[in-house]
Amino acid sequence: MFKGKLFSYLVAINKGMLFDDARYYAKNALQGSRAVPDVDVNSTVIQAIATYANLPVTSEHLDTFVHGFKSWTGLCLDNFDADYSAGCTQSFDSFYLRHRDKKFRCLVGEYFYHLKTWESNNINWSFIDADNPLQTGDALVISYPFCDTGNFFNTSILEECCAKDIPVLIDMCYYPLTSGCAFDFDYECIDTVAFSLSKVFPVANYRIGVRYTRKDIHDGQKLHHSINYNNMLSAFIGSKLIEKYNVTHIYNTYNSKQKEACEFLNLTPSDSVLFAVGDEDWNTYSRHNLLDAYQLDFDAKMFCNRICLIPVYEHWNLFERFKHGYIT
């Protein structure tokens, strides 16, 4: 952990930060979840915006993005209808509303947005544990790869959900950060599958995503899509990104750097290339700051020390010099 903190200070100094700002940066740089500010990807986004400015507004942009997305993932989603989603978040909110009569469930370590939304709106929910197993009448939200670590996991929980008639939302926003993994979408319990480009490309503020739902679901989000009441610019940007970069582009670009950084910093690489997992020596970079930001009252020790490697990738030349002892 000491190496990680020292490197964070070096990045801050390299940015010309004053002491207080540098200390704040070093405390937070290796936390959270955000896309790599890849120079080539940023250029593609800028070019897409410039191109769009000279085009008529048309639903063709929306259709091109959504129709092309399934092929881009390489996953079999034939039994689902696709519609545009403002990131994964819109898909989450639609799922909450449609199953508002159920008790929402998630594993410890799930995305804090769910916890914050349920807590602040007095929605019935609880973590899944030995004392609180899944029950008929629940609705499950689960991320794949899992939010707490960025790792893939055994999906046997879906068999239990099928047996107990529990609708499931699968959040796959980290999937494009991996080398890819086959996934069986034939489980009847799967109600919604949500994707977003916010973690794989630096486009979080454009809210670009796709939602897949069963063909008998007709809610407000699907209505928006059917009447073309969505962000056409964001859809156009999304289509240009998936045309140029395949689904494993970020993983293939940064995987060797992930392994090198983890070996030097004594971290365990995550299946999601932006992350690593640290042991108790990395408790400084636990989730406590994020819990404070979300105003959630949970013990940070409940969650893994998921380390964000973005500052390392973003300042790779500095990291290499630091690793080889040219900077101390």
Foldseek 3Di string as FASTA:
>chain_A
DVLLLVLQLVVCVVVVDDDVVSNVSSLAVFADFFAFADPVLVVLLVVLLVVVVPDDDDCVLQCLLFVCVVVLQVADQPQWDKFWFLACVRVVVQVCVVLQQAAEEEAQQADCVVVLVCVVVVGHYDYDDPVRHDAQRYEYEAEAVGNQAQAGDDPCVLVVCLVRVHAYEYEDQLQLLAPHDYDDPPRPNHAKYKYGCGRHYVPNVLRTIMMIGGPVDDDPRNVCRVVVVDDSSSSSSSSSVSVVAGSNRNNVVQVVVQVVVCVLVVWAQHSRRQKTFDDPVLVSQFCPVVCVVSVHPDDSVSGTSITGCSVCVNPVVSVVCVSVPVDD
